[in-house]
C-alpha atoms as a PDB file:
ATOM      1  CA  MET A   1       6.581  11.020  32.449  1.00  0.00           C
ATOM      2  CA  ALA A   2       4.326  13.108  30.287  1.00  0.00           C
ATOM      3  CA  ASP A   3       3.893  11.868  26.005  1.00  0.00           C
ATOM      4  CA  VAL A   4       5.198  15.066  24.285  1.00  0.00           C
ATOM      5  CA  HIS A   5       3.168  13.617  21.070  1.00  0.00           C
ATOM      6  CA  SER A   6      -0.217  13.694  21.487  1.00  0.00           C
ATOM      7  CA  LYS A   7      -2.140  10.832  21.026  1.00  0.00           C
ATOM      8  CA  GLU A   8      -3.550  11.022  17.246  1.00  0.00           C
ATOM      9  CA  VAL A   9       0.254  11.521  16.416  1.00  0.00           C
ATOM     10  CA  ARG A  10       1.769   8.746  18.532  1.00  0.00           C
ATOM     11  CA  SER A  11      -0.547   6.545  17.415  1.00  0.00           C
ATOM     12  CA  TYR A  12       0.707   7.469  13.729  1.00  0.00           C
ATOM     13  CA  ASN A  13       4.372   7.062  14.163  1.00  0.00           C
ATOM     14  CA  MET A  14       3.834   3.765  16.366  1.00  0.00           C
ATOM     15  CA  SER A  15       1.124   1.842  13.336  1.00  0.00           C
ATOM     16  CA  ARG A  16       4.716   3.067  11.059  1.00  0.00           C
ATOM     17  CA  ILE A  17       6.575   1.010  13.376  1.00  0.00           C
ATOM     18  CA  LYS A  18       6.866  -2.952  11.615  1.00  0.00           C
ATOM     19  CA  GLY A  19       6.604  -5.781  14.059  1.00  0.00           C
ATOM     20  CA  LYS A  20       6.864  -8.220  11.229  1.00  0.00           C
ATOM     21  CA  ASN A  21       9.149  -8.682   7.661  1.00  0.00           C
ATOM     22  CA  THR A  22      11.554  -6.044   8.452  1.00  0.00           C
ATOM     23  CA  LYS A  23      14.547  -5.779   6.470  1.00  0.00           C
ATOM     24  CA  LEU A  24      17.013  -7.332   9.010  1.00  0.00           C
ATOM     25  CA  GLU A  25      14.722 -10.434   9.655  1.00  0.00           C
ATOM     26  CA  MET A  26      14.619 -11.141   5.495  1.00  0.00           C
ATOM     27  CA  LEU A  27      17.741 -10.450   5.541  1.00  0.00           C
ATOM     28  CA  VAL A  28      17.889 -13.354   7.945  1.00  0.00           C
ATOM     29  CA  ARG A  29      14.979 -15.700   5.923  1.00  0.00           C
ATOM     30  CA  LYS A  30      17.864 -14.982   2.788  1.00  0.00           C
ATOM     31  CA  PHE A  31      20.867 -16.017   4.919  1.00  0.00           C
ATOM     32  CA  LEU A  32      18.647 -19.622   5.688  1.00  0.00           C
ATOM     33  CA  HIS A  33      17.071 -20.377   2.412  1.00  0.00           C
ATOM     34  CA  ALA A  34      19.886 -19.991   0.840  1.00  0.00           C
ATOM     35  CA  HIS A  35      21.908 -22.513   3.394  1.00  0.00           C
ATOM     36  CA  GLY A  36      19.159 -24.851   3.078  1.00  0.00           C
ATOM     37  CA  PHE A  37      17.191 -24.427   5.859  1.00  0.00           C
ATOM     38  CA  ARG A  38      13.429 -24.641   5.796  1.00  0.00           C
ATOM     39  CA  TYR A  39      11.654 -22.381   8.221  1.00  0.00           C
ATOM     40  CA  ARG A  40       8.287 -21.560   9.377  1.00  0.00           C
ATOM     41  CA  LEU A  41       7.241 -17.887  10.347  1.00  0.00           C
ATOM     42  CA  HIS A  42       5.512 -16.084  12.623  1.00  0.00           C
ATOM     43  CA  ILE A  43       3.802 -18.892  14.549  1.00  0.00           C
ATOM     44  CA  LYS A  44       1.494 -17.846  16.728  1.00  0.00           C
ATOM     45  CA  ASP A  45       1.050 -20.994  18.453  1.00  0.00           C
ATOM     46  CA  LEU A  46       4.404 -20.399  20.375  1.00  0.00           C
ATOM     47  CA  PRO A  47       5.193 -18.243  23.291  1.00  0.00           C
ATOM     48  CA  GLY A  48       6.640 -15.153  22.243  1.00  0.00           C
ATOM     49  CA  LYS A  49       5.636 -16.061  18.860  1.00  0.00           C
ATOM     50  CA  PRO A  50       8.882 -16.284  16.594  1.00  0.00           C
ATOM     51  CA  ASP A  51       9.782 -14.089  13.948  1.00  0.00           C
ATOM     52  CA  ILE A  52      11.958 -17.910  12.329  1.00  0.00           C
ATOM     53  CA  VAL A  53      11.330 -20.750  13.427  1.00  0.00           C
ATOM     54  CA  LEU A  54      12.957 -23.875  12.667  1.00  0.00           C
ATOM     55  CA  PRO A  55      10.450 -27.638  12.877  1.00  0.00           C
ATOM     56  CA  LYS A  56      13.194 -29.892  11.736  1.00  0.00           C
ATOM     57  CA  TYR A  57      16.663 -28.435  14.484  1.00  0.00           C
ATOM     58  CA  LYS A  58      13.838 -27.424  16.966  1.00  0.00           C
ATOM     59  CA  THR A  59      15.009 -24.110  16.652  1.00  0.00           C
ATOM     60  CA  VAL A  60      13.289 -21.048  17.406  1.00  0.00           C
ATOM     61  CA  ILE A  61      14.618 -17.128  15.871  1.00  0.00           C
ATOM     62  CA  PHE A  62      13.916 -13.641  17.202  1.00  0.00           C
ATOM     63  CA  VAL A  63      15.247 -11.165  15.400  1.00  0.00           C
ATOM     64  CA  HIS A  64      15.667  -7.875  17.006  1.00  0.00           C
ATOM     65  CA  GLY A  65      15.982  -4.625  15.119  1.00  0.00           C
ATOM     66  CA  CYS A  66      18.894  -1.968  16.551  1.00  0.00           C
ATOM     67  CA  PHE A  67      15.125   0.354  17.748  1.00  0.00           C
ATOM     68  CA  TRP A  68      14.507  -0.945  21.022  1.00  0.00           C
ATOM     69  CA  HIS A  69      17.933  -3.680  21.739  1.00  0.00           C
ATOM     70  CA  GLY A  70      20.341  -2.138  19.937  1.00  0.00           C
ATOM     71  CA  HIS A  71      24.144  -3.638  19.010  1.00  0.00           C
ATOM     72  CA  GLU A  72      28.064  -2.328  20.118  1.00  0.00           C
ATOM     73  CA  GLY A  73      28.959   0.941  17.812  1.00  0.00           C
ATOM     74  CA  CYS A  74      25.315   1.218  17.199  1.00  0.00           C
ATOM     75  CA  LYS A  75      23.891   5.135  16.674  1.00  0.00           C
ATOM     76  CA  TYR A  76      20.411   4.286  16.586  1.00  0.00           C
ATOM     77  CA  PRO A  77      19.471   3.318  20.765  1.00  0.00           C
ATOM     78  CA  LEU A  78      21.665   5.883  21.598  1.00  0.00           C
ATOM     79  CA  ARG A  79      19.895   8.696  19.976  1.00  0.00           C
ATOM     80  CA  LEU A  80      16.778   6.860  21.583  1.00  0.00           C
ATOM     81  CA  LYS A  81      18.587   7.455  24.891  1.00  0.00           C
ATOM     82  CA  GLN A  82      19.410  10.865  24.288  1.00  0.00           C
ATOM     83  CA  GLU A  83      15.756  11.542  23.994  1.00  0.00           C
ATOM     84  CA  LEU A  84      14.481  10.182  26.492  1.00  0.00           C
ATOM     85  CA  MET A  85      17.213  12.046  28.904  1.00  0.00           C
ATOM     86  CA  LYS A  86      16.251  15.021  26.964  1.00  0.00           C
ATOM     87  CA  ASN A  87      12.047  14.975  28.426  1.00  0.00           C
END
């Protein structure tokens, strides 16, 4: 499938997609902190570089937003799917 954008435009678009400290991730972090959980962020030594690590509980949390994974009733993946079908 040919790309509809030039290399420069595609690079610019992809540079704007955040990988860390997204709004959803910040919401999860605020919730955890408010409920007394202490955590570390983006540990590079662990497989997959999890967003949040709870060392005391030996637990990791990956926060995935709607753009990539979606959820039931979400309007954003539908838009992405339509764009892919159009090309």
